[in-house]
Amino acid sequence: MTIDQVVQAISGMSGDELSEVVAAHNERRAILSRQAVRQFRAGDRVQFEGRHGRTLEGWVRKTNRKTINVETTDGMMWRVSPSLVSRCGGES
């Protein structure tokens, strides 16, 4: 199904049908987020793009249900979405 077909299908839906689509979307996003969090463990060396496009590196200090706490090499703590974090080498 193309994006245009999806938009066309959505445009013809009732409010109740739209609510069901939104609920299904939110559930799928939650599943994907949980899967992403489970790929990281405390001590993993990771990187992510911080503010202003700067790549930051650090270590996972804690995984939460929806976020990962990362301590960067400069000692700052960041709470980052798991979809924005990637491994960058060995573990500490």
PDB file of N, CA and C in Angstrom:
ATOM      1  N   MET A   1       0.856  -1.176   0.000  1.00  0.00           N
ATOM      2  CA  MET A   1       0.000   0.000   0.000  1.00  0.00           C
ATOM      3  C   MET A   1       0.900   1.238   0.000  1.00  0.00           C
ATOM      4  N   THR A   2       0.602   2.170  -0.871  1.00  0.00           N
ATOM      5  CA  THR A   2       1.394   3.402  -0.945  1.00  0.00           C
ATOM      6  C   THR A   2       0.894   4.422   0.077  1.00  0.00           C
ATOM      7  N   ILE A   3       1.685   5.434   0.287  1.00  0.00           N
ATOM      8  CA  ILE A   3       1.294   6.510   1.217  1.00  0.00           C
ATOM      9  C   ILE A   3       0.004   7.174   0.736  1.00  0.00           C
ATOM     10  N   ASP A   4      -0.107   7.396  -0.573  1.00  0.00           N
ATOM     11  CA  ASP A   4      -1.323   8.020  -1.112  1.00  0.00           C
ATOM     12  C   ASP A   4      -2.553   7.173  -0.832  1.00  0.00           C
ATOM     13  N   GLN A   5      -2.408   5.854  -0.941  1.00  0.00           N
ATOM     14  CA  GLN A   5      -3.529   4.954  -0.659  1.00  0.00           C
ATOM     15  C   GLN A   5      -3.906   5.002   0.822  1.00  0.00           C
ATOM     16  N   VAL A   6      -2.891   5.079   1.684  1.00  0.00           N
ATOM     17  CA  VAL A   6      -3.153   5.168   3.126  1.00  0.00           C
ATOM     18  C   VAL A   6      -3.897   6.456   3.440  1.00  0.00           C
ATOM     19  N   VAL A   7      -3.417   7.564   2.879  1.00  0.00           N
ATOM     20  CA  VAL A   7      -4.064   8.864   3.119  1.00  0.00           C
ATOM     21  C   VAL A   7      -5.494   8.838   2.614  1.00  0.00           C
ATOM     22  N   GLN A   8      -5.714   8.247   1.458  1.00  0.00           N
ATOM     23  CA  GLN A   8      -7.065   8.153   0.910  1.00  0.00           C
ATOM     24  C   GLN A   8      -7.964   7.316   1.821  1.00  0.00           C
ATOM     25  N   ALA A   9      -7.449   6.192   2.318  1.00  0.00           N
ATOM     26  CA  ALA A   9      -8.230   5.338   3.213  1.00  0.00           C
ATOM     27  C   ALA A   9      -8.570   6.073   4.495  1.00  0.00           C
ATOM     28  N   ILE A  10      -7.594   6.797   5.047  1.00  0.00           N
ATOM     29  CA  ILE A  10      -7.821   7.530   6.295  1.00  0.00           C
ATOM     30  C   ILE A  10      -8.841   8.637   6.097  1.00  0.00           C
ATOM     31  N   SER A  11      -8.778   9.306   4.966  1.00  0.00           N
ATOM     32  CA  SER A  11      -9.688  10.436   4.737  1.00  0.00           C
ATOM     33  C   SER A  11     -11.149  10.008   4.703  1.00  0.00           C
ATOM     34  N   GLY A  12     -11.408   8.739   4.437  1.00  0.00           N
ATOM     35  CA  GLY A  12     -12.790   8.258   4.399  1.00  0.00           C
ATOM     36  C   GLY A  12     -13.262   7.623   5.693  1.00  0.00           C
ATOM     37  N   MET A  13     -12.443   7.638   6.737  1.00  0.00           N
ATOM     38  CA  MET A  13     -12.793   6.967   7.993  1.00  0.00           C
ATOM     39  C   MET A  13     -13.641   7.853   8.907  1.00  0.00           C
ATOM     40  N   SER A  14     -14.430   7.171   9.727  1.00  0.00           N
ATOM     41  CA  SER A  14     -15.208   7.867  10.759  1.00  0.00           C
ATOM     42  C   SER A  14     -14.294   8.161  11.948  1.00  0.00           C
ATOM     43  N   GLY A  15     -14.790   8.922  12.878  1.00  0.00           N
ATOM     44  CA  GLY A  15     -14.020   9.242  14.079  1.00  0.00           C
ATOM     45  C   GLY A  15     -13.639   8.005  14.873  1.00  0.00           C
ATOM     46  N   ASP A  16     -14.570   7.058  14.991  1.00  0.00           N
ATOM     47  CA  ASP A  16     -14.289   5.823  15.722  1.00  0.00           C
ATOM     48  C   ASP A  16     -13.205   5.000  15.020  1.00  0.00           C
ATOM     49  N   GLU A  17     -13.287   4.941  13.699  1.00  0.00           N
ATOM     50  CA  GLU A  17     -12.272   4.202  12.947  1.00  0.00           C
ATOM     51  C   GLU A  17     -10.900   4.857  13.082  1.00  0.00           C
ATOM     52  N   LEU A  18     -10.875   6.186  13.048  1.00  0.00           N
ATOM     53  CA  LEU A  18      -9.611   6.894  13.242  1.00  0.00           C
ATOM     54  C   LEU A  18      -9.035   6.628  14.620  1.00  0.00           C
ATOM     55  N   SER A  19      -9.886   6.570  15.624  1.00  0.00           N
ATOM     56  CA  SER A  19      -9.419   6.270  16.977  1.00  0.00           C
ATOM     57  C   SER A  19      -8.777   4.890  17.049  1.00  0.00           C
ATOM     58  N   GLU A  20      -9.345   3.919  16.343  1.00  0.00           N
ATOM     59  CA  GLU A  20      -8.763   2.576  16.304  1.00  0.00           C
ATOM     60  C   GLU A  20      -7.402   2.585  15.615  1.00  0.00           C
ATOM     61  N   VAL A  21      -7.269   3.360  14.534  1.00  0.00           N
ATOM     62  CA  VAL A  21      -5.992   3.459  13.832  1.00  0.00           C
ATOM     63  C   VAL A  21      -4.936   4.081  14.742  1.00  0.00           C
ATOM     64  N   VAL A  22      -5.318   5.139  15.448  1.00  0.00           N
ATOM     65  CA  VAL A  22      -4.385   5.815  16.356  1.00  0.00           C
ATOM     66  C   VAL A  22      -3.956   4.866  17.476  1.00  0.00           C
ATOM     67  N   ALA A  23      -4.883   4.116  18.030  1.00  0.00           N
ATOM     68  CA  ALA A  23      -4.555   3.170  19.099  1.00  0.00           C
ATOM     69  C   ALA A  23      -3.591   2.094  18.595  1.00  0.00           C
ATOM     70  N   ALA A  24      -3.837   1.585  17.398  1.00  0.00           N
ATOM     71  CA  ALA A  24      -2.951   0.569  16.818  1.00  0.00           C
ATOM     72  C   ALA A  24      -1.563   1.164  16.553  1.00  0.00           C
ATOM     73  N   HIS A  25      -1.520   2.369  16.066  1.00  0.00           N
ATOM     74  CA  HIS A  25      -0.241   3.066  15.820  1.00  0.00           C
ATOM     75  C   HIS A  25       0.532   3.227  17.115  1.00  0.00           C
ATOM     76  N   ASN A  26      -0.118   3.700  18.154  1.00  0.00           N
ATOM     77  CA  ASN A  26       0.549   3.913  19.440  1.00  0.00           C
ATOM     78  C   ASN A  26       1.072   2.606  20.030  1.00  0.00           C
ATOM     79  N   GLU A  27       0.312   1.541  19.898  1.00  0.00           N
ATOM     80  CA  GLU A  27       0.751   0.236  20.408  1.00  0.00           C
ATOM     81  C   GLU A  27       1.980  -0.254  19.649  1.00  0.00           C
ATOM     82  N   ARG A  28       1.975  -0.099  18.336  1.00  0.00           N
ATOM     83  CA  ARG A  28       3.119  -0.534  17.530  1.00  0.00           C
ATOM     84  C   ARG A  28       4.375   0.268  17.870  1.00  0.00           C
ATOM     85  N   ARG A  29       4.220   1.582  18.069  1.00  0.00           N
ATOM     86  CA  ARG A  29       5.363   2.421  18.450  1.00  0.00           C
ATOM     87  C   ARG A  29       5.911   1.999  19.810  1.00  0.00           C
ATOM     88  N   ALA A  30       5.038   1.662  20.744  1.00  0.00           N
ATOM     89  CA  ALA A  30       5.474   1.222  22.070  1.00  0.00           C
ATOM     90  C   ALA A  30       6.256  -0.094  21.970  1.00  0.00           C
ATOM     91  N   ILE A  31       5.789  -1.015  21.145  1.00  0.00           N
ATOM     92  CA  ILE A  31       6.488  -2.286  20.956  1.00  0.00           C
ATOM     93  C   ILE A  31       7.874  -2.048  20.375  1.00  0.00           C
ATOM     94  N   LEU A  32       7.962  -1.213  19.346  1.00  0.00           N
ATOM     95  CA  LEU A  32       9.257  -0.919  18.726  1.00  0.00           C
ATOM     96  C   LEU A  32      10.213  -0.253  19.712  1.00  0.00           C
ATOM     97  N   SER A  33       9.689   0.626  20.547  1.00  0.00           N
ATOM     98  CA  SER A  33      10.515   1.303  21.544  1.00  0.00           C
ATOM     99  C   SER A  33      11.058   0.314  22.570  1.00  0.00           C
ATOM    100  N   ARG A  34      10.204  -0.598  23.051  1.00  0.00           N
ATOM    101  CA  ARG A  34      10.658  -1.604  24.020  1.00  0.00           C
ATOM    102  C   ARG A  34      11.718  -2.516  23.419  1.00  0.00           C
ATOM    103  N   GLN A  35      11.537  -2.890  22.147  1.00  0.00           N
ATOM    104  CA  GLN A  35      12.531  -3.727  21.478  1.00  0.00           C
ATOM    105  C   GLN A  35      13.865  -3.000  21.372  1.00  0.00           C
ATOM    106  N   ALA A  36      13.830  -1.720  21.072  1.00  0.00           N
ATOM    107  CA  ALA A  36      15.063  -0.940  20.945  1.00  0.00           C
ATOM    108  C   ALA A  36      15.781  -0.815  22.280  1.00  0.00           C
ATOM    109  N   VAL A  37      15.037  -0.595  23.366  1.00  0.00           N
ATOM    110  CA  VAL A  37      15.645  -0.470  24.697  1.00  0.00           C
ATOM    111  C   VAL A  37      16.341  -1.771  25.082  1.00  0.00           C
ATOM    112  N   ARG A  38      15.725  -2.920  24.761  1.00  0.00           N
ATOM    113  CA  ARG A  38      16.288  -4.212  25.153  1.00  0.00           C
ATOM    114  C   ARG A  38      17.617  -4.529  24.467  1.00  0.00           C
ATOM    115  N   GLN A  39      17.974  -3.784  23.446  1.00  0.00           N
ATOM    116  CA  GLN A  39      19.234  -4.037  22.749  1.00  0.00           C
ATOM    117  C   GLN A  39      20.434  -3.431  23.472  1.00  0.00           C
ATOM    118  N   PHE A  40      20.194  -2.651  24.521  1.00  0.00           N
ATOM    119  CA  PHE A  40      21.278  -1.988  25.237  1.00  0.00           C
ATOM    120  C   PHE A  40      21.323  -2.431  26.690  1.00  0.00           C
ATOM    121  N   ARG A  41      22.516  -2.447  27.245  1.00  0.00           N
ATOM    122  CA  ARG A  41      22.744  -2.807  28.645  1.00  0.00           C
ATOM    123  C   ARG A  41      23.657  -1.761  29.265  1.00  0.00           C
ATOM    124  N   ALA A  42      23.576  -1.626  30.577  1.00  0.00           N
ATOM    125  CA  ALA A  42      24.467  -0.711  31.287  1.00  0.00           C
ATOM    126  C   ALA A  42      25.912  -1.071  30.959  1.00  0.00           C
ATOM    127  N   GLY A  43      26.707  -0.060  30.663  1.00  0.00           N
ATOM    128  CA  GLY A  43      28.099  -0.264  30.319  1.00  0.00           C
ATOM    129  C   GLY A  43      28.385  -0.280  28.828  1.00  0.00           C
ATOM    130  N   ASP A  44      27.348  -0.423  27.993  1.00  0.00           N
ATOM    131  CA  ASP A  44      27.562  -0.402  26.544  1.00  0.00           C
ATOM    132  C   ASP A  44      28.098   0.963  26.120  1.00  0.00           C
ATOM    133  N   ARG A  45      29.073   0.965  25.238  1.00  0.00           N
ATOM    134  CA  ARG A  45      29.596   2.208  24.668  1.00  0.00           C
ATOM    135  C   ARG A  45      28.700   2.565  23.486  1.00  0.00           C
ATOM    136  N   VAL A  46      28.184   3.784  23.494  1.00  0.00           N
ATOM    137  CA  VAL A  46      27.206   4.200  22.491  1.00  0.00           C
ATOM    138  C   VAL A  46      27.515   5.607  21.984  1.00  0.00           C
ATOM    139  N   GLN A  47      26.813   5.959  20.916  1.00  0.00           N
ATOM    140  CA  GLN A  47      26.885   7.320  20.400  1.00  0.00           C
ATOM    141  C   GLN A  47      25.490   7.751  19.967  1.00  0.00           C
ATOM    142  N   PHE A  48      25.285   9.055  19.927  1.00  0.00           N
ATOM    143  CA  PHE A  48      24.032   9.611  19.452  1.00  0.00           C
ATOM    144  C   PHE A  48      24.289  11.042  19.015  1.00  0.00           C
ATOM    145  N   GLU A  49      23.377  11.563  18.237  1.00  0.00           N
ATOM    146  CA  GLU A  49      23.508  12.935  17.779  1.00  0.00           C
ATOM    147  C   GLU A  49      22.831  13.849  18.785  1.00  0.00           C
ATOM    148  N   GLY A  50      23.605  14.742  19.370  1.00  0.00           N
ATOM    149  CA  GLY A  50      23.082  15.671  20.348  1.00  0.00           C
ATOM    150  C   GLY A  50      22.539  16.920  19.686  1.00  0.00           C
ATOM    151  N   ARG A  51      22.312  17.917  20.485  1.00  0.00           N
ATOM    152  CA  ARG A  51      21.821  19.187  19.964  1.00  0.00           C
ATOM    153  C   ARG A  51      22.830  19.778  18.996  1.00  0.00           C
ATOM    154  N   HIS A  52      22.328  20.503  18.022  1.00  0.00           N
ATOM    155  CA  HIS A  52      23.152  21.193  17.027  1.00  0.00           C
ATOM    156  C   HIS A  52      23.941  20.217  16.158  1.00  0.00           C
ATOM    157  N   GLY A  53      23.485  18.962  16.067  1.00  0.00           N
ATOM    158  CA  GLY A  53      24.095  18.001  15.156  1.00  0.00           C
ATOM    159  C   GLY A  53      25.426  17.415  15.588  1.00  0.00           C
ATOM    160  N   ARG A  54      25.822  17.667  16.821  1.00  0.00           N
ATOM    161  CA  ARG A  54      27.105  17.150  17.317  1.00  0.00           C
ATOM    162  C   ARG A  54      26.958  15.693  17.741  1.00  0.00           C
ATOM    163  N   THR A  55      27.868  14.827  17.291  1.00  0.00           N
ATOM    164  CA  THR A  55      27.842  13.420  17.694  1.00  0.00           C
ATOM    165  C   THR A  55      28.488  13.290  19.067  1.00  0.00           C
ATOM    166  N   LEU A  56      27.767  12.696  19.990  1.00  0.00           N
ATOM    167  CA  LEU A  56      28.253  12.506  21.354  1.00  0.00           C
ATOM    168  C   LEU A  56      28.468  11.019  21.611  1.00  0.00           C
ATOM    169  N   GLU A  57      29.508  10.707  22.351  1.00  0.00           N
ATOM    170  CA  GLU A  57      29.795   9.327  22.731  1.00  0.00           C
ATOM    171  C   GLU A  57      29.770   9.199  24.237  1.00  0.00           C
ATOM    172  N   GLY A  58      29.421   8.009  24.700  1.00  0.00           N
ATOM    173  CA  GLY A  58      29.403   7.771  26.137  1.00  0.00           C
ATOM    174  C   GLY A  58      29.044   6.332  26.441  1.00  0.00           C
ATOM    175  N   TRP A  59      28.582   6.121  27.658  1.00  0.00           N
ATOM    176  CA  TRP A  59      28.247   4.782  28.149  1.00  0.00           C
ATOM    177  C   TRP A  59      26.819   4.768  28.661  1.00  0.00           C
ATOM    178  N   VAL A  60      26.130   3.662  28.401  1.00  0.00           N
ATOM    179  CA  VAL A  60      24.793   3.474  28.956  1.00  0.00           C
ATOM    180  C   VAL A  60      24.944   3.306  30.463  1.00  0.00           C
ATOM    181  N   ARG A  61      24.262   4.115  31.219  1.00  0.00           N
ATOM    182  CA  ARG A  61      24.274   3.996  32.677  1.00  0.00           C
ATOM    183  C   ARG A  61      23.025   3.279  33.185  1.00  0.00           C
ATOM    184  N   LYS A  62      21.910   3.443  32.454  1.00  0.00           N
ATOM    185  CA  LYS A  62      20.664   2.823  32.888  1.00  0.00           C
ATOM    186  C   LYS A  62      19.712   2.773  31.701  1.00  0.00           C
ATOM    187  N   THR A  63      18.925   1.697  31.621  1.00  0.00           N
ATOM    188  CA  THR A  63      17.859   1.639  30.632  1.00  0.00           C
ATOM    189  C   THR A  63      16.529   1.772  31.354  1.00  0.00           C
ATOM    190  N   ASN A  64      15.672   2.599  30.821  1.00  0.00           N
ATOM    191  CA  ASN A  64      14.327   2.799  31.352  1.00  0.00           C
ATOM    192  C   ASN A  64      13.334   2.187  30.371  1.00  0.00           C
ATOM    193  N   ARG A  65      12.069   2.277  30.678  1.00  0.00           N
ATOM    194  CA  ARG A  65      11.067   1.711  29.772  1.00  0.00           C
ATOM    195  C   ARG A  65      11.101   2.350  28.396  1.00  0.00           C
ATOM    196  N   LYS A  66      11.280   3.668  28.349  1.00  0.00           N
ATOM    197  CA  LYS A  66      11.203   4.376  27.080  1.00  0.00           C
ATOM    198  C   LYS A  66      12.478   5.110  26.701  1.00  0.00           C
ATOM    199  N   THR A  67      13.427   5.216  27.592  1.00  0.00           N
ATOM    200  CA  THR A  67      14.638   5.982  27.324  1.00  0.00           C
ATOM    201  C   THR A  67      15.875   5.252  27.828  1.00  0.00           C
ATOM    202  N   ILE A  68      17.022   5.773  27.417  1.00  0.00           N
ATOM    203  CA  ILE A  68      18.306   5.247  27.869  1.00  0.00           C
ATOM    204  C   ILE A  68      19.075   6.409  28.483  1.00  0.00           C
ATOM    205  N   ASN A  69      19.598   6.214  29.698  1.00  0.00           N
ATOM    206  CA  ASN A  69      20.440   7.225  30.324  1.00  0.00           C
ATOM    207  C   ASN A  69      21.873   6.993  29.870  1.00  0.00           C
ATOM    208  N   VAL A  70      22.451   8.023  29.250  1.00  0.00           N
ATOM    209  CA  VAL A  70      23.811   7.928  28.719  1.00  0.00           C
ATOM    210  C   VAL A  70      24.672   8.983  29.406  1.00  0.00           C
ATOM    211  N   GLU A  71      25.833   8.541  29.912  1.00  0.00           N
ATOM    212  CA  GLU A  71      26.820   9.475  30.445  1.00  0.00           C
ATOM    213  C   GLU A  71      27.864   9.683  29.358  1.00  0.00           C
ATOM    214  N   THR A  72      28.001  10.919  28.882  1.00  0.00           N
ATOM    215  CA  THR A  72      28.940  11.205  27.804  1.00  0.00           C
ATOM    216  C   THR A  72      30.354  11.337  28.348  1.00  0.00           C
ATOM    217  N   THR A  73      31.312  11.359  27.444  1.00  0.00           N
ATOM    218  CA  THR A  73      32.717  11.414  27.826  1.00  0.00           C
ATOM    219  C   THR A  73      33.060  12.689  28.595  1.00  0.00           C
ATOM    220  N   ASP A  74      32.237  13.740  28.459  1.00  0.00           N
ATOM    221  CA  ASP A  74      32.483  14.977  29.207  1.00  0.00           C
ATOM    222  C   ASP A  74      31.772  14.988  30.559  1.00  0.00           C
ATOM    223  N   GLY A  75      31.160  13.849  30.949  1.00  0.00           N
ATOM    224  CA  GLY A  75      30.522  13.728  32.252  1.00  0.00           C
ATOM    225  C   GLY A  75      29.067  14.137  32.312  1.00  0.00           C
ATOM    226  N   MET A  76      28.505  14.585  31.206  1.00  0.00           N
ATOM    227  CA  MET A  76      27.092  14.984  31.185  1.00  0.00           C
ATOM    228  C   MET A  76      26.200  13.750  31.098  1.00  0.00           C
ATOM    229  N   MET A  77      25.034  13.829  31.712  1.00  0.00           N
ATOM    230  CA  MET A  77      24.039  12.758  31.626  1.00  0.00           C
ATOM    231  C   MET A  77      22.941  13.184  30.661  1.00  0.00           C
ATOM    232  N   TRP A  78      22.577  12.278  29.778  1.00  0.00           N
ATOM    233  CA  TRP A  78      21.526  12.526  28.799  1.00  0.00           C
ATOM    234  C   TRP A  78      20.491  11.422  28.891  1.00  0.00           C
ATOM    235  N   ARG A  79      19.238  11.788  28.710  1.00  0.00           N
ATOM    236  CA  ARG A  79      18.146  10.811  28.593  1.00  0.00           C
ATOM    237  C   ARG A  79      17.766  10.801  27.116  1.00  0.00           C
ATOM    238  N   VAL A  80      18.021   9.669  26.441  1.00  0.00           N
ATOM    239  CA  VAL A  80      17.938   9.616  24.989  1.00  0.00           C
ATOM    240  C   VAL A  80      16.955   8.535  24.555  1.00  0.00           C
ATOM    241  N   SER A  81      16.219   8.820  23.498  1.00  0.00           N
ATOM    242  CA  SER A  81      15.345   7.813  22.903  1.00  0.00           C
ATOM    243  C   SER A  81      16.213   6.695  22.333  1.00  0.00           C
ATOM    244  N   PRO A  82      15.866   5.434  22.559  1.00  0.00           N
ATOM    245  CA  PRO A  82      16.691   4.333  22.067  1.00  0.00           C
ATOM    246  C   PRO A  82      16.832   4.303  20.552  1.00  0.00           C
ATOM    247  N   SER A  83      15.878   4.876  19.851  1.00  0.00           N
ATOM    248  CA  SER A  83      15.958   4.882  18.387  1.00  0.00           C
ATOM    249  C   SER A  83      17.066   5.811  17.897  1.00  0.00           C
ATOM    250  N   LEU A  84      17.578   6.681  18.751  1.00  0.00           N
ATOM    251  CA  LEU A  84      18.633   7.623  18.372  1.00  0.00           C
ATOM    252  C   LEU A  84      20.027   7.161  18.799  1.00  0.00           C
ATOM    253  N   VAL A  85      20.100   6.041  19.509  1.00  0.00           N
ATOM    254  CA  VAL A  85      21.373   5.559  20.062  1.00  0.00           C
ATOM    255  C   VAL A  85      21.893   4.397  19.224  1.00  0.00           C
ATOM    256  N   SER A  86      23.212   4.379  19.021  1.00  0.00           N
ATOM    257  CA  SER A  86      23.842   3.243  18.339  1.00  0.00           C
ATOM    258  C   SER A  86      25.136   2.883  19.046  1.00  0.00           C
ATOM    259  N   ARG A  87      25.531   1.629  18.916  1.00  0.00           N
ATOM    260  CA  ARG A  87      26.791   1.176  19.499  1.00  0.00           C
ATOM    261  C   ARG A  87      27.945   1.790  18.746  1.00  0.00           C
ATOM    262  N   CYS A  88      29.041   2.045  19.440  1.00  0.00           N
ATOM    263  CA  CYS A  88      30.200   2.628  18.756  1.00  0.00           C
ATOM    264  C   CYS A  88      31.487   1.921  19.127  1.00  0.00           C
ATOM    265  N   GLY A  89      31.422   0.705  19.630  1.00  0.00           N
ATOM    266  CA  GLY A  89      32.648  -0.023  19.923  1.00  0.00           C
ATOM    267  C   GLY A  89      32.446  -0.996  21.065  1.00  0.00           C
ATOM    268  N   GLY A  90      33.549  -1.289  21.774  1.00  0.00           N
ATOM    269  CA  GLY A  90      33.518  -2.235  22.895  1.00  0.00           C
ATOM    270  C   GLY A  90      32.804  -1.672  24.096  1.00  0.00           C
ATOM    271  N   GLU A  91      32.632  -2.523  25.076  1.00  0.00           N
ATOM    272  CA  GLU A  91      31.965  -2.124  26.316  1.00  0.00           C
ATOM    273  C   GLU A  91      32.987  -1.713  27.345  1.00  0.00           C
ATOM    274  N   SER A  92      32.546  -0.878  28.274  1.00  0.00           N
ATOM    275  CA  SER A  92      33.432  -0.390  29.339  1.00  0.00           C
ATOM    276  C   SER A  92      33.316  -1.270  30.558  1.00  0.00           C
TER     277      SER A  92
END
